Every structure is written in C-alpha cells, then in structure tokens.
C-alpha cells in the first residue's frame, strides 16, 4: 500500500510541476491586449487558463491527500523507527 502511494505521489508531483510551468503569468494578458500571441493559442485565449487551473487544483488536492496518507501510514507502520533510536546516551558524572 505504501509503495503504491509513493508511486502515485511521485507521478502527481511531476505532473503538478509540469502543469504549473505551463501556466502563463498574469502579465501575459496585457501582452495579448496589444496583439501579442493572444489569438494563436491552442485552447483559445481563456480556455487554456481554465483547463490548466482545474488541472492544477485537482493535482494539488491529490498531492495533499497522498502526503497526508503517507504520513499517517508511516506513523502507524511497525518497522518505522526514529533517526535517534540507535543513539545511545551516555551520562558522565559532573566535573567539580
């Protein structure tokens, strides 16, 4: 179960990164107002923004759900150990 969630989490991370990088900045609308690349988009001037916004939202939701699920599953796992569990504390007497 954990391996499947890790695989889904990594795929969603890569997809989310790609979708965010594909989005145009808010200043691109100003360039389109003066005739710069506004009519040559594949989805139309507003269609791509809506599609990319929805893809970003849903991938962010899946990312958060997988993150929380992995945290809960790893905390309940029997073989989960702390980094400091092997550290042995040695107390020495106080020096006078």
C-alpha atoms as a PDB file:
ATOM      1  CA  UNK A   1       0.000   0.000   0.000  1.00  0.00           C
ATOM      2  CA  UNK A   2       2.777   2.407   0.890  1.00  0.00           C
ATOM      3  CA  UNK A   3       4.692   1.633  -2.310  1.00  0.00           C
ATOM      4  CA  UNK A   4       1.581   2.332  -4.413  1.00  0.00           C
ATOM      5  CA  UNK A   5       1.009   5.643  -2.637  1.00  0.00           C
ATOM      6  CA  UNK A   6       4.640   6.646  -3.129  1.00  0.00           C
ATOM      7  CA  UNK A   7       4.401   5.902  -6.860  1.00  0.00           C
ATOM      8  CA  UNK A   8       1.168   7.913  -7.178  1.00  0.00           C
ATOM      9  CA  UNK A   9       2.705  10.723  -5.130  1.00  0.00           C
ATOM     10  CA  UNK A  10       5.798  10.962  -7.354  1.00  0.00           C
ATOM     11  CA  UNK A  11       3.707  10.925 -10.546  1.00  0.00           C
ATOM     12  CA  UNK A  12       1.426  13.649  -9.176  1.00  0.00           C
ATOM     13  CA  UNK A  13       4.482  15.709  -8.130  1.00  0.00           C
ATOM     14  CA  UNK A  14       5.913  15.573 -11.644  1.00  0.00           C
ATOM     15  CA  UNK A  15       2.525  16.315 -13.224  1.00  0.00           C
ATOM     16  CA  UNK A  16       1.908  19.242 -10.866  1.00  0.00           C
ATOM     17  CA  UNK A  17       5.321  20.696 -11.662  1.00  0.00           C
ATOM     18  CA  UNK A  18       4.647  20.449 -15.390  1.00  0.00           C
ATOM     19  CA  UNK A  19       1.178  21.998 -15.156  1.00  0.00           C
ATOM     20  CA  UNK A  20       2.424  24.907 -13.072  1.00  0.00           C
ATOM     21  CA  UNK A  21       5.264  25.571 -15.509  1.00  0.00           C
ATOM     22  CA  UNK A  22       2.842  25.554 -18.459  1.00  0.00           C
ATOM     23  CA  UNK A  23       0.682  28.298 -16.998  1.00  0.00           C
ATOM     24  CA  UNK A  24       1.099  31.827 -18.188  1.00  0.00           C
ATOM     25  CA  UNK A  25       1.736  34.649 -15.804  1.00  0.00           C
ATOM     26  CA  UNK A  26      -0.834  37.361 -15.155  1.00  0.00           C
ATOM     27  CA  UNK A  27       1.205  39.833 -17.213  1.00  0.00           C
ATOM     28  CA  UNK A  28       0.596  37.737 -20.352  1.00  0.00           C
ATOM     29  CA  UNK A  29      -2.935  39.162 -20.557  1.00  0.00           C
ATOM     30  CA  UNK A  30      -1.506  42.653 -21.015  1.00  0.00           C
ATOM     31  CA  UNK A  31       0.642  41.486 -23.930  1.00  0.00           C
ATOM     32  CA  UNK A  32      -2.395  39.846 -25.506  1.00  0.00           C
ATOM     33  CA  UNK A  33      -4.298  43.128 -25.310  1.00  0.00           C
ATOM     34  CA  UNK A  34      -1.731  44.719 -27.624  1.00  0.00           C
ATOM     35  CA  UNK A  35      -1.802  41.855 -30.144  1.00  0.00           C
ATOM     36  CA  UNK A  36       0.935  39.609 -28.801  1.00  0.00           C
ATOM     37  CA  UNK A  37       0.245  35.878 -29.270  1.00  0.00           C
ATOM     38  CA  UNK A  38      -3.340  36.132 -27.972  1.00  0.00           C
ATOM     39  CA  UNK A  39      -5.086  34.580 -30.967  1.00  0.00           C
ATOM     40  CA  UNK A  40      -2.556  31.816 -31.612  1.00  0.00           C
ATOM     41  CA  UNK A  41      -3.152  29.708 -28.532  1.00  0.00           C
ATOM     42  CA  UNK A  42      -4.271  26.090 -28.873  1.00  0.00           C
ATOM     43  CA  UNK A  43      -7.187  26.295 -26.412  1.00  0.00           C
ATOM     44  CA  UNK A  44      -8.281  29.858 -27.137  1.00  0.00           C
ATOM     45  CA  UNK A  45      -7.420  32.873 -25.011  1.00  0.00           C
ATOM     46  CA  UNK A  46      -9.311  31.749 -21.871  1.00  0.00           C
ATOM     47  CA  UNK A  47      -9.780  28.018 -22.480  1.00  0.00           C
ATOM     48  CA  UNK A  48      -6.220  27.068 -21.589  1.00  0.00           C
ATOM     49  CA  UNK A  49      -6.345  29.084 -18.389  1.00  0.00           C
ATOM     50  CA  UNK A  50      -9.476  27.296 -17.210  1.00  0.00           C
ATOM     51  CA  UNK A  51      -8.155  23.847 -18.143  1.00  0.00           C
ATOM     52  CA  UNK A  52      -4.750  24.436 -16.548  1.00  0.00           C
ATOM     53  CA  UNK A  53      -6.333  25.944 -13.457  1.00  0.00           C
ATOM     54  CA  UNK A  54      -8.541  22.890 -12.999  1.00  0.00           C
ATOM     55  CA  UNK A  55      -5.646  20.511 -13.599  1.00  0.00           C
ATOM     56  CA  UNK A  56      -3.547  22.414 -11.071  1.00  0.00           C
ATOM     57  CA  UNK A  57      -6.315  22.371  -8.482  1.00  0.00           C
ATOM     58  CA  UNK A  58      -7.044  18.655  -8.797  1.00  0.00           C
ATOM     59  CA  UNK A  59      -3.405  17.644  -8.849  1.00  0.00           C
ATOM     60  CA  UNK A  60      -2.767  19.783  -5.750  1.00  0.00           C
ATOM     61  CA  UNK A  61      -5.684  18.080  -3.982  1.00  0.00           C
ATOM     62  CA  UNK A  62      -4.352  14.612  -4.890  1.00  0.00           C
ATOM     63  CA  UNK A  63      -0.867  15.701  -3.791  1.00  0.00           C
ATOM     64  CA  UNK A  64      -2.140  16.789  -0.382  1.00  0.00           C
ATOM     65  CA  UNK A  65      -4.208  13.623   0.085  1.00  0.00           C
ATOM     66  CA  UNK A  66      -1.266  11.366  -0.773  1.00  0.00           C
ATOM     67  CA  UNK A  67       1.024  13.392   1.502  1.00  0.00           C
ATOM     68  CA  UNK A  68      -1.315  13.060   4.473  1.00  0.00           C
ATOM     69  CA  UNK A  69      -1.966   9.378   3.723  1.00  0.00           C
ATOM     70  CA  UNK A  70       1.755   8.607   3.546  1.00  0.00           C
ATOM     71  CA  UNK A  71       2.350  10.416   6.824  1.00  0.00           C
ATOM     72  CA  UNK A  72      -0.404   8.503   8.607  1.00  0.00           C
ATOM     73  CA  UNK A  73       0.639   5.139   7.169  1.00  0.00           C
ATOM     74  CA  UNK A  74       4.299   5.661   8.013  1.00  0.00           C
ATOM     75  CA  UNK A  75       3.487   6.709  11.583  1.00  0.00           C
ATOM     76  CA  UNK A  76       1.419   3.547  12.073  1.00  0.00           C
ATOM     77  CA  UNK A  77       3.991   1.282  10.449  1.00  0.00           C
ATOM     78  CA  UNK A  78       5.602  -1.267  12.770  1.00  0.00           C
ATOM     79  CA  UNK A  79       9.056  -1.012  11.207  1.00  0.00           C
ATOM     80  CA  UNK A  80       9.141   2.775  11.375  1.00  0.00           C
ATOM     81  CA  UNK A  81      11.950   3.921  13.602  1.00  0.00           C
ATOM     82  CA  UNK A  82      13.238   7.287  14.554  1.00  0.00           C
ATOM     83  CA  UNK A  83      16.600   8.560  13.376  1.00  0.00           C
ATOM     84  CA  UNK A  84      17.641   8.920  17.004  1.00  0.00           C
ATOM     85  CA  UNK A  85      16.506   5.446  18.090  1.00  0.00           C
ATOM     86  CA  UNK A  86      20.018   3.984  17.666  1.00  0.00           C
ATOM     87  CA  UNK A  87      21.669   6.830  19.541  1.00  0.00           C
ATOM     88  CA  UNK A  88      22.846   5.729  22.945  1.00  0.00           C
ATOM     89  CA  UNK A  89      23.027   8.390  25.574  1.00  0.00           C
ATOM     90  CA  UNK A  90      25.972   8.243  27.901  1.00  0.00           C
ATOM     91  CA  UNK A  91      25.774  10.233  31.025  1.00  0.00           C
ATOM     92  CA  UNK A  92      29.014  11.235  32.614  1.00  0.00           C
ATOM     93  CA  UNK A  93      29.356  12.467  36.182  1.00  0.00           C
ATOM     94  CA  UNK A  94      29.515  16.177  36.659  1.00  0.00           C
ATOM     95  CA  UNK A  95      33.026  17.562  36.978  1.00  0.00           C
ATOM     96  CA  UNK A  96      33.906  19.544  40.072  1.00  0.00           C
END
